[in-house]
Amino acid sequence: RGTSGHYGPYPSAKASQLHLTVPINLHVLLLQTYTGSILVAVNPYQLLPIYSPEQIRLYTNKKIGEMPPHIFAIADNCYFNMQRNNKDQCCIIR
């Protein structure tokens, strides 16, 4: 689940190219992108309907890359790995 280095057809960038990707994504309101296995999210300073119960359902039991980048994909992936490997998981939010 998202550990092979492939993150699907959704916007992603290498860390060295992130400065090129983020401005493009902001222009089309793609506020979340992957750089490898890391989710980069930008605060849009406005309310968006991207944190609803419906969104949670859309990301449940999906591999990273099957859906557009989203914090729910990271959360579900952590939960899956915690259950499968019986090991603690960690997310850093800054």
PDB file of N, CA and C in Angstrom:
ATOM      1  N   ARG A   1       0.827  -1.192   0.000  1.00  0.00           N
ATOM      2  CA  ARG A   1       0.000   0.000   0.000  1.00  0.00           C
ATOM      3  C   ARG A   1       0.863   1.243   0.000  1.00  0.00           C
ATOM      4  N   GLY A   2       1.205   1.710  -1.156  1.00  0.00           N
ATOM      5  CA  GLY A   2       1.917   2.969  -1.253  1.00  0.00           C
ATOM      6  C   GLY A   2       3.371   2.923  -0.838  1.00  0.00           C
ATOM      7  N   THR A   3       3.958   1.757  -0.713  1.00  0.00           N
ATOM      8  CA  THR A   3       5.342   1.706  -0.272  1.00  0.00           C
ATOM      9  C   THR A   3       6.303   1.369  -1.403  1.00  0.00           C
ATOM     10  N   SER A   4       5.811   1.165  -2.597  1.00  0.00           N
ATOM     11  CA  SER A   4       6.673   0.772  -3.706  1.00  0.00           C
ATOM     12  C   SER A   4       7.347   1.955  -4.380  1.00  0.00           C
ATOM     13  N   GLY A   5       7.034   3.175  -3.982  1.00  0.00           N
ATOM     14  CA  GLY A   5       7.593   4.340  -4.642  1.00  0.00           C
ATOM     15  C   GLY A   5       6.700   4.862  -5.752  1.00  0.00           C
ATOM     16  N   HIS A   6       5.620   4.155  -6.073  1.00  0.00           N
ATOM     17  CA  HIS A   6       4.678   4.605  -7.095  1.00  0.00           C
ATOM     18  C   HIS A   6       3.455   5.176  -6.391  1.00  0.00           C
ATOM     19  N   TYR A   7       3.075   6.362  -6.766  1.00  0.00           N
ATOM     20  CA  TYR A   7       1.986   7.025  -6.065  1.00  0.00           C
ATOM     21  C   TYR A   7       0.832   7.373  -6.992  1.00  0.00           C
ATOM     22  N   GLY A   8       0.652   6.610  -8.046  1.00  0.00           N
ATOM     23  CA  GLY A   8      -0.509   6.767  -8.895  1.00  0.00           C
ATOM     24  C   GLY A   8      -0.407   7.926  -9.863  1.00  0.00           C
ATOM     25  N   PRO A   9      -1.499   8.226 -10.560  1.00  0.00           N
ATOM     26  CA  PRO A   9      -1.495   9.234 -11.613  1.00  0.00           C
ATOM     27  C   PRO A   9      -1.713  10.650 -11.110  1.00  0.00           C
ATOM     28  N   TYR A  10      -1.677  10.861  -9.821  1.00  0.00           N
ATOM     29  CA  TYR A  10      -1.991  12.167  -9.268  1.00  0.00           C
ATOM     30  C   TYR A  10      -0.737  12.997  -9.077  1.00  0.00           C
ATOM     31  N   PRO A  11      -0.885  14.319  -8.980  1.00  0.00           N
ATOM     32  CA  PRO A  11       0.275  15.210  -8.921  1.00  0.00           C
ATOM     33  C   PRO A  11       1.243  14.832  -7.812  1.00  0.00           C
ATOM     34  N   SER A  12       2.496  14.721  -8.192  1.00  0.00           N
ATOM     35  CA  SER A  12       3.547  14.468  -7.223  1.00  0.00           C
ATOM     36  C   SER A  12       4.812  15.122  -7.745  1.00  0.00           C
ATOM     37  N   ALA A  13       5.798  15.227  -6.898  1.00  0.00           N
ATOM     38  CA  ALA A  13       7.039  15.871  -7.302  1.00  0.00           C
ATOM     39  C   ALA A  13       8.186  15.306  -6.507  1.00  0.00           C
ATOM     40  N   LYS A  14       9.356  15.348  -7.102  1.00  0.00           N
ATOM     41  CA  LYS A  14      10.563  15.065  -6.338  1.00  0.00           C
ATOM     42  C   LYS A  14      10.826  16.293  -5.481  1.00  0.00           C
ATOM     43  N   ALA A  15      11.459  16.102  -4.346  1.00  0.00           N
ATOM     44  CA  ALA A  15      11.724  17.228  -3.451  1.00  0.00           C
ATOM     45  C   ALA A  15      12.476  18.332  -4.178  1.00  0.00           C
ATOM     46  N   SER A  16      13.373  17.977  -5.094  1.00  0.00           N
ATOM     47  CA  SER A  16      14.149  18.987  -5.820  1.00  0.00           C
ATOM     48  C   SER A  16      13.306  19.767  -6.817  1.00  0.00           C
ATOM     49  N   GLN A  17      12.111  19.269  -7.153  1.00  0.00           N
ATOM     50  CA  GLN A  17      11.239  19.940  -8.117  1.00  0.00           C
ATOM     51  C   GLN A  17       9.997  20.534  -7.474  1.00  0.00           C
ATOM     52  N   LEU A  18       9.924  20.482  -6.145  1.00  0.00           N
ATOM     53  CA  LEU A  18       8.713  20.915  -5.459  1.00  0.00           C
ATOM     54  C   LEU A  18       8.388  22.372  -5.742  1.00  0.00           C
ATOM     55  N   HIS A  19       9.401  23.216  -5.840  1.00  0.00           N
ATOM     56  CA  HIS A  19       9.163  24.635  -6.115  1.00  0.00           C
ATOM     57  C   HIS A  19       8.493  24.840  -7.469  1.00  0.00           C
ATOM     58  N   LEU A  20       8.622  23.895  -8.374  1.00  0.00           N
ATOM     59  CA  LEU A  20       7.961  23.987  -9.674  1.00  0.00           C
ATOM     60  C   LEU A  20       6.532  23.478  -9.626  1.00  0.00           C
ATOM     61  N   THR A  21       6.255  22.532  -8.764  1.00  0.00           N
ATOM     62  CA  THR A  21       4.944  21.890  -8.709  1.00  0.00           C
ATOM     63  C   THR A  21       3.937  22.674  -7.890  1.00  0.00           C
ATOM     64  N   VAL A  22       4.327  23.167  -6.725  1.00  0.00           N
ATOM     65  CA  VAL A  22       3.380  23.820  -5.818  1.00  0.00           C
ATOM     66  C   VAL A  22       2.700  25.023  -6.460  1.00  0.00           C
ATOM     67  N   PRO A  23       3.416  25.954  -7.132  1.00  0.00           N
ATOM     68  CA  PRO A  23       2.696  27.082  -7.747  1.00  0.00           C
ATOM     69  C   PRO A  23       1.679  26.641  -8.791  1.00  0.00           C
ATOM     70  N   ILE A  24       1.997  25.616  -9.571  1.00  0.00           N
ATOM     71  CA  ILE A  24       1.051  25.112 -10.569  1.00  0.00           C
ATOM     72  C   ILE A  24      -0.177  24.538  -9.871  1.00  0.00           C
ATOM     73  N   ASN A  25       0.038  23.752  -8.830  1.00  0.00           N
ATOM     74  CA  ASN A  25      -1.077  23.153  -8.102  1.00  0.00           C
ATOM     75  C   ASN A  25      -1.954  24.209  -7.460  1.00  0.00           C
ATOM     76  N   LEU A  26      -1.369  25.251  -6.915  1.00  0.00           N
ATOM     77  CA  LEU A  26      -2.168  26.311  -6.306  1.00  0.00           C
ATOM     78  C   LEU A  26      -3.042  26.992  -7.346  1.00  0.00           C
ATOM     79  N   HIS A  27      -2.514  27.131  -8.547  1.00  0.00           N
ATOM     80  CA  HIS A  27      -3.270  27.796  -9.606  1.00  0.00           C
ATOM     81  C   HIS A  27      -4.562  27.050  -9.914  1.00  0.00           C
ATOM     82  N   VAL A  28      -4.549  25.743  -9.855  1.00  0.00           N
ATOM     83  CA  VAL A  28      -5.751  24.955 -10.150  1.00  0.00           C
ATOM     84  C   VAL A  28      -6.399  24.411  -8.884  1.00  0.00           C
ATOM     85  N   LEU A  29      -6.051  24.979  -7.743  1.00  0.00           N
ATOM     86  CA  LEU A  29      -6.598  24.611  -6.437  1.00  0.00           C
ATOM     87  C   LEU A  29      -6.352  23.152  -6.061  1.00  0.00           C
ATOM     88  N   LEU A  30      -5.238  22.615  -6.486  1.00  0.00           N
ATOM     89  CA  LEU A  30      -4.800  21.319  -5.982  1.00  0.00           C
ATOM     90  C   LEU A  30      -3.898  21.636  -4.803  1.00  0.00           C
ATOM     91  N   LEU A  31      -4.478  21.652  -3.633  1.00  0.00           N
ATOM     92  CA  LEU A  31      -3.776  22.143  -2.456  1.00  0.00           C
ATOM     93  C   LEU A  31      -2.953  21.076  -1.761  1.00  0.00           C
ATOM     94  N   GLN A  32      -3.005  19.852  -2.252  1.00  0.00           N
ATOM     95  CA  GLN A  32      -2.250  18.768  -1.642  1.00  0.00           C
ATOM     96  C   GLN A  32      -1.535  18.007  -2.749  1.00  0.00           C
ATOM     97  N   THR A  33      -0.281  17.687  -2.517  1.00  0.00           N
ATOM     98  CA  THR A  33       0.509  16.939  -3.491  1.00  0.00           C
ATOM     99  C   THR A  33       1.455  16.019  -2.745  1.00  0.00           C
ATOM    100  N   TYR A  34       1.912  14.981  -3.406  1.00  0.00           N
ATOM    101  CA  TYR A  34       2.897  14.085  -2.811  1.00  0.00           C
ATOM    102  C   TYR A  34       4.276  14.428  -3.351  1.00  0.00           C
ATOM    103  N   THR A  35       5.255  14.327  -2.504  1.00  0.00           N
ATOM    104  CA  THR A  35       6.646  14.289  -2.929  1.00  0.00           C
ATOM    105  C   THR A  35       7.201  13.011  -2.318  1.00  0.00           C
ATOM    106  N   GLY A  36       7.252  11.975  -3.126  1.00  0.00           N
ATOM    107  CA  GLY A  36       7.556  10.647  -2.603  1.00  0.00           C
ATOM    108  C   GLY A  36       6.399  10.188  -1.744  1.00  0.00           C
ATOM    109  N   SER A  37       6.695   9.757  -0.524  1.00  0.00           N
ATOM    110  CA  SER A  37       5.633   9.311   0.388  1.00  0.00           C
ATOM    111  C   SER A  37       5.164  10.426   1.312  1.00  0.00           C
ATOM    112  N   ILE A  38       5.641  11.643   1.076  1.00  0.00           N
ATOM    113  CA  ILE A  38       5.302  12.788   1.929  1.00  0.00           C
ATOM    114  C   ILE A  38       4.172  13.585   1.289  1.00  0.00           C
ATOM    115  N   LEU A  39       3.172  13.918   2.085  1.00  0.00           N
ATOM    116  CA  LEU A  39       2.081  14.772   1.619  1.00  0.00           C
ATOM    117  C   LEU A  39       2.426  16.212   1.957  1.00  0.00           C
ATOM    118  N   VAL A  40       2.384  17.082   0.958  1.00  0.00           N
ATOM    119  CA  VAL A  40       2.570  18.516   1.168  1.00  0.00           C
ATOM    120  C   VAL A  40       1.209  19.160   0.959  1.00  0.00           C
ATOM    121  N   ALA A  41       0.714  19.842   1.984  1.00  0.00           N
ATOM    122  CA  ALA A  41      -0.599  20.488   1.911  1.00  0.00           C
ATOM    123  C   ALA A  41      -0.437  21.974   2.196  1.00  0.00           C
ATOM    124  N   VAL A  42      -1.164  22.784   1.455  1.00  0.00           N
ATOM    125  CA  VAL A  42      -1.117  24.233   1.605  1.00  0.00           C
ATOM    126  C   VAL A  42      -2.451  24.704   2.163  1.00  0.00           C
ATOM    127  N   ASN A  43      -2.408  25.555   3.177  1.00  0.00           N
ATOM    128  CA  ASN A  43      -3.628  26.113   3.757  1.00  0.00           C
ATOM    129  C   ASN A  43      -4.204  27.150   2.790  1.00  0.00           C
ATOM    130  N   PRO A  44      -5.427  26.939   2.280  1.00  0.00           N
ATOM    131  CA  PRO A  44      -6.008  27.886   1.329  1.00  0.00           C
ATOM    132  C   PRO A  44      -6.648  29.104   1.996  1.00  0.00           C
ATOM    133  N   TYR A  45      -6.713  29.093   3.325  1.00  0.00           N
ATOM    134  CA  TYR A  45      -7.345  30.175   4.093  1.00  0.00           C
ATOM    135  C   TYR A  45      -8.781  30.416   3.647  1.00  0.00           C
ATOM    136  N   GLN A  46      -9.479  29.340   3.331  1.00  0.00           N
ATOM    137  CA  GLN A  46     -10.908  29.383   3.034  1.00  0.00           C
ATOM    138  C   GLN A  46     -11.483  27.998   3.308  1.00  0.00           C
ATOM    139  N   LEU A  47     -12.774  27.946   3.556  1.00  0.00           N
ATOM    140  CA  LEU A  47     -13.424  26.663   3.816  1.00  0.00           C
ATOM    141  C   LEU A  47     -13.636  25.919   2.503  1.00  0.00           C
ATOM    142  N   LEU A  48     -13.234  24.667   2.487  1.00  0.00           N
ATOM    143  CA  LEU A  48     -13.428  23.818   1.319  1.00  0.00           C
ATOM    144  C   LEU A  48     -14.083  22.515   1.769  1.00  0.00           C
ATOM    145  N   PRO A  49     -14.912  21.912   0.928  1.00  0.00           N
ATOM    146  CA  PRO A  49     -15.613  20.681   1.317  1.00  0.00           C
ATOM    147  C   PRO A  49     -14.743  19.431   1.137  1.00  0.00           C
ATOM    148  N   ILE A  50     -13.538  19.454   1.699  1.00  0.00           N
ATOM    149  CA  ILE A  50     -12.626  18.327   1.499  1.00  0.00           C
ATOM    150  C   ILE A  50     -12.386  17.530   2.776  1.00  0.00           C
ATOM    151  N   TYR A  51     -13.112  17.836   3.847  1.00  0.00           N
ATOM    152  CA  TYR A  51     -12.939  17.123   5.112  1.00  0.00           C
ATOM    153  C   TYR A  51     -14.262  16.567   5.629  1.00  0.00           C
ATOM    154  N   SER A  52     -15.109  16.113   4.743  1.00  0.00           N
ATOM    155  CA  SER A  52     -16.436  15.621   5.111  1.00  0.00           C
ATOM    156  C   SER A  52     -16.412  14.110   5.371  1.00  0.00           C
ATOM    157  N   PRO A  53     -17.464  13.591   6.005  1.00  0.00           N
ATOM    158  CA  PRO A  53     -17.573  12.131   6.166  1.00  0.00           C
ATOM    159  C   PRO A  53     -17.531  11.396   4.821  1.00  0.00           C
ATOM    160  N   GLU A  54     -18.077  12.007   3.786  1.00  0.00           N
ATOM    161  CA  GLU A  54     -18.029  11.394   2.454  1.00  0.00           C
ATOM    162  C   GLU A  54     -16.582  11.257   1.980  1.00  0.00           C
ATOM    163  N   GLN A  55     -15.768  12.274   2.223  1.00  0.00           N
ATOM    164  CA  GLN A  55     -14.352  12.202   1.848  1.00  0.00           C
ATOM    165  C   GLN A  55     -13.641  11.085   2.612  1.00  0.00           C
ATOM    166  N   ILE A  56     -13.979  10.930   3.881  1.00  0.00           N
ATOM    167  CA  ILE A  56     -13.386   9.849   4.671  1.00  0.00           C
ATOM    168  C   ILE A  56     -13.709   8.507   4.019  1.00  0.00           C
ATOM    169  N   ARG A  57     -14.966   8.313   3.639  1.00  0.00           N
ATOM    170  CA  ARG A  57     -15.371   7.053   2.994  1.00  0.00           C
ATOM    171  C   ARG A  57     -14.618   6.830   1.678  1.00  0.00           C
ATOM    172  N   LEU A  58     -14.408   7.900   0.913  1.00  0.00           N
ATOM    173  CA  LEU A  58     -13.715   7.767  -0.368  1.00  0.00           C
ATOM    174  C   LEU A  58     -12.280   7.270  -0.209  1.00  0.00           C
ATOM    175  N   TYR A  59     -11.641   7.631   0.894  1.00  0.00           N
ATOM    176  CA  TYR A  59     -10.231   7.280   1.102  1.00  0.00           C
ATOM    177  C   TYR A  59     -10.030   6.027   1.946  1.00  0.00           C
ATOM    178  N   THR A  60     -11.093   5.474   2.497  1.00  0.00           N
ATOM    179  CA  THR A  60     -10.973   4.282   3.333  1.00  0.00           C
ATOM    180  C   THR A  60     -10.590   3.073   2.485  1.00  0.00           C
ATOM    181  N   ASN A  61      -9.574   2.349   2.949  1.00  0.00           N
ATOM    182  CA  ASN A  61      -9.085   1.127   2.291  1.00  0.00           C
ATOM    183  C   ASN A  61      -8.567   1.351   0.873  1.00  0.00           C
ATOM    184  N   LYS A  62      -8.021   2.533   0.609  1.00  0.00           N
ATOM    185  CA  LYS A  62      -7.409   2.826  -0.686  1.00  0.00           C
ATOM    186  C   LYS A  62      -5.900   2.934  -0.506  1.00  0.00           C
ATOM    187  N   LYS A  63      -5.166   2.479  -1.496  1.00  0.00           N
ATOM    188  CA  LYS A  63      -3.720   2.646  -1.486  1.00  0.00           C
ATOM    189  C   LYS A  63      -3.388   4.098  -1.824  1.00  0.00           C
ATOM    190  N   ILE A  64      -2.252   4.566  -1.320  1.00  0.00           N
ATOM    191  CA  ILE A  64      -1.813   5.910  -1.692  1.00  0.00           C
ATOM    192  C   ILE A  64      -1.586   5.922  -3.199  1.00  0.00           C
ATOM    193  N   GLY A  65      -2.165   6.896  -3.867  1.00  0.00           N
ATOM    194  CA  GLY A  65      -2.063   7.011  -5.312  1.00  0.00           C
ATOM    195  C   GLY A  65      -3.314   6.588  -6.045  1.00  0.00           C
ATOM    196  N   GLU A  66      -4.213   5.868  -5.385  1.00  0.00           N
ATOM    197  CA  GLU A  66      -5.470   5.478  -6.027  1.00  0.00           C
ATOM    198  C   GLU A  66      -6.434   6.656  -6.103  1.00  0.00           C
ATOM    199  N   MET A  67      -6.274   7.587  -5.191  1.00  0.00           N
ATOM    200  CA  MET A  67      -7.114   8.784  -5.128  1.00  0.00           C
ATOM    201  C   MET A  67      -6.179   9.991  -5.146  1.00  0.00           C
ATOM    202  N   PRO A  68      -6.701  11.188  -5.407  1.00  0.00           N
ATOM    203  CA  PRO A  68      -5.854  12.380  -5.351  1.00  0.00           C
ATOM    204  C   PRO A  68      -5.211  12.534  -3.970  1.00  0.00           C
ATOM    205  N   PRO A  69      -4.078  13.226  -3.892  1.00  0.00           N
ATOM    206  CA  PRO A  69      -3.408  13.421  -2.601  1.00  0.00           C
ATOM    207  C   PRO A  69      -4.354  14.027  -1.562  1.00  0.00           C
ATOM    208  N   HIS A  70      -4.304  13.489  -0.332  1.00  0.00           N
ATOM    209  CA  HIS A  70      -5.189  13.970   0.727  1.00  0.00           C
ATOM    210  C   HIS A  70      -4.681  13.457   2.064  1.00  0.00           C
ATOM    211  N   ILE A  71      -4.905  14.216   3.117  1.00  0.00           N
ATOM    212  CA  ILE A  71      -4.496  13.803   4.461  1.00  0.00           C
ATOM    213  C   ILE A  71      -5.208  12.514   4.877  1.00  0.00           C
ATOM    214  N   PHE A  72      -6.417  12.279   4.383  1.00  0.00           N
ATOM    215  CA  PHE A  72      -7.129  11.048   4.727  1.00  0.00           C
ATOM    216  C   PHE A  72      -6.420   9.824   4.144  1.00  0.00           C
ATOM    217  N   ALA A  73      -5.750   9.978   3.000  1.00  0.00           N
ATOM    218  CA  ALA A  73      -4.981   8.866   2.431  1.00  0.00           C
ATOM    219  C   ALA A  73      -3.821   8.508   3.349  1.00  0.00           C
ATOM    220  N   ILE A  74      -3.157   9.520   3.890  1.00  0.00           N
ATOM    221  CA  ILE A  74      -2.049   9.284   4.817  1.00  0.00           C
ATOM    222  C   ILE A  74      -2.572   8.612   6.087  1.00  0.00           C
ATOM    223  N   ALA A  75      -3.678   9.116   6.624  1.00  0.00           N
ATOM    224  CA  ALA A  75      -4.249   8.554   7.857  1.00  0.00           C
ATOM    225  C   ALA A  75      -4.656   7.098   7.652  1.00  0.00           C
ATOM    226  N   ASP A  76      -5.311   6.802   6.532  1.00  0.00           N
ATOM    227  CA  ASP A  76      -5.743   5.430   6.278  1.00  0.00           C
ATOM    228  C   ASP A  76      -4.541   4.510   6.082  1.00  0.00           C
ATOM    229  N   ASN A  77      -3.509   5.014   5.411  1.00  0.00           N
ATOM    230  CA  ASN A  77      -2.302   4.224   5.211  1.00  0.00           C
ATOM    231  C   ASN A  77      -1.615   3.924   6.540  1.00  0.00           C
ATOM    232  N   CYS A  78      -1.553   4.901   7.428  1.00  0.00           N
ATOM    233  CA  CYS A  78      -0.976   4.675   8.763  1.00  0.00           C
ATOM    234  C   CYS A  78      -1.785   3.634   9.530  1.00  0.00           C
ATOM    235  N   TYR A  79      -3.096   3.748   9.485  1.00  0.00           N
ATOM    236  CA  TYR A  79      -3.958   2.800  10.191  1.00  0.00           C
ATOM    237  C   TYR A  79      -3.772   1.385   9.638  1.00  0.00           C
ATOM    238  N   PHE A  80      -3.754   1.277   8.308  1.00  0.00           N
ATOM    239  CA  PHE A  80      -3.560  -0.023   7.667  1.00  0.00           C
ATOM    240  C   PHE A  80      -2.240  -0.653   8.105  1.00  0.00           C
ATOM    241  N   ASN A  81      -1.161   0.136   8.048  1.00  0.00           N
ATOM    242  CA  ASN A  81       0.154  -0.391   8.427  1.00  0.00           C
ATOM    243  C   ASN A  81       0.235  -0.721   9.909  1.00  0.00           C
ATOM    244  N   MET A  82      -0.444   0.044  10.739  1.00  0.00           N
ATOM    245  CA  MET A  82      -0.477  -0.250  12.170  1.00  0.00           C
ATOM    246  C   MET A  82      -1.161  -1.597  12.414  1.00  0.00           C
ATOM    247  N   GLN A  83      -2.278  -1.827  11.731  1.00  0.00           N
ATOM    248  CA  GLN A  83      -3.013  -3.078  11.888  1.00  0.00           C
ATOM    249  C   GLN A  83      -2.230  -4.267  11.330  1.00  0.00           C
ATOM    250  N   ARG A  84      -1.666  -4.090  10.148  1.00  0.00           N
ATOM    251  CA  ARG A  84      -0.974  -5.191   9.479  1.00  0.00           C
ATOM    252  C   ARG A  84       0.338  -5.557  10.179  1.00  0.00           C
ATOM    253  N   ASN A  85       1.118  -4.545  10.548  1.00  0.00           N
ATOM    254  CA  ASN A  85       2.448  -4.790  11.115  1.00  0.00           C
ATOM    255  C   ASN A  85       2.483  -4.764  12.632  1.00  0.00           C
ATOM    256  N   ASN A  86       1.365  -4.381  13.253  1.00  0.00           N
ATOM    257  CA  ASN A  86       1.288  -4.269  14.707  1.00  0.00           C
ATOM    258  C   ASN A  86       2.410  -3.390  15.264  1.00  0.00           C
ATOM    259  N   LYS A  87       2.674  -2.271  14.549  1.00  0.00           N
ATOM    260  CA  LYS A  87       3.705  -1.327  14.975  1.00  0.00           C
ATOM    261  C   LYS A  87       3.126   0.079  14.970  1.00  0.00           C
ATOM    262  N   ASP A  88       3.625   0.888  15.896  1.00  0.00           N
ATOM    263  CA  ASP A  88       3.197   2.278  15.961  1.00  0.00           C
ATOM    264  C   ASP A  88       3.534   2.998  14.658  1.00  0.00           C
ATOM    265  N   GLN A  89       2.718   3.975  14.323  1.00  0.00           N
ATOM    266  CA  GLN A  89       2.933   4.817  13.153  1.00  0.00           C
ATOM    267  C   GLN A  89       3.065   6.261  13.627  1.00  0.00           C
ATOM    268  N   CYS A  90       3.672   7.089  12.807  1.00  0.00           N
ATOM    269  CA  CYS A  90       3.881   8.487  13.187  1.00  0.00           C
ATOM    270  C   CYS A  90       3.621   9.393  11.995  1.00  0.00           C
ATOM    271  N   CYS A  91       2.904  10.474  12.224  1.00  0.00           N
ATOM    272  CA  CYS A  91       2.699  11.518  11.221  1.00  0.00           C
ATOM    273  C   CYS A  91       3.199  12.823  11.817  1.00  0.00           C
ATOM    274  N   ILE A  92       3.948  13.564  11.045  1.00  0.00           N
ATOM    275  CA  ILE A  92       4.430  14.869  11.500  1.00  0.00           C
ATOM    276  C   ILE A  92       3.621  15.931  10.778  1.00  0.00           C
ATOM    277  N   ILE A  93       2.984  16.795  11.554  1.00  0.00           N
ATOM    278  CA  ILE A  93       2.201  17.897  10.993  1.00  0.00           C
ATOM    279  C   ILE A  93       2.847  19.179  11.466  1.00  0.00           C
ATOM    280  N   ARG A  94       3.217  19.980  10.530  1.00  0.00           N
ATOM    281  CA  ARG A  94       3.908  21.211  10.894  1.00  0.00           C
ATOM    282  C   ARG A  94       3.243  22.395  10.258  1.00  0.00           C
TER     283      ARG A  94
END
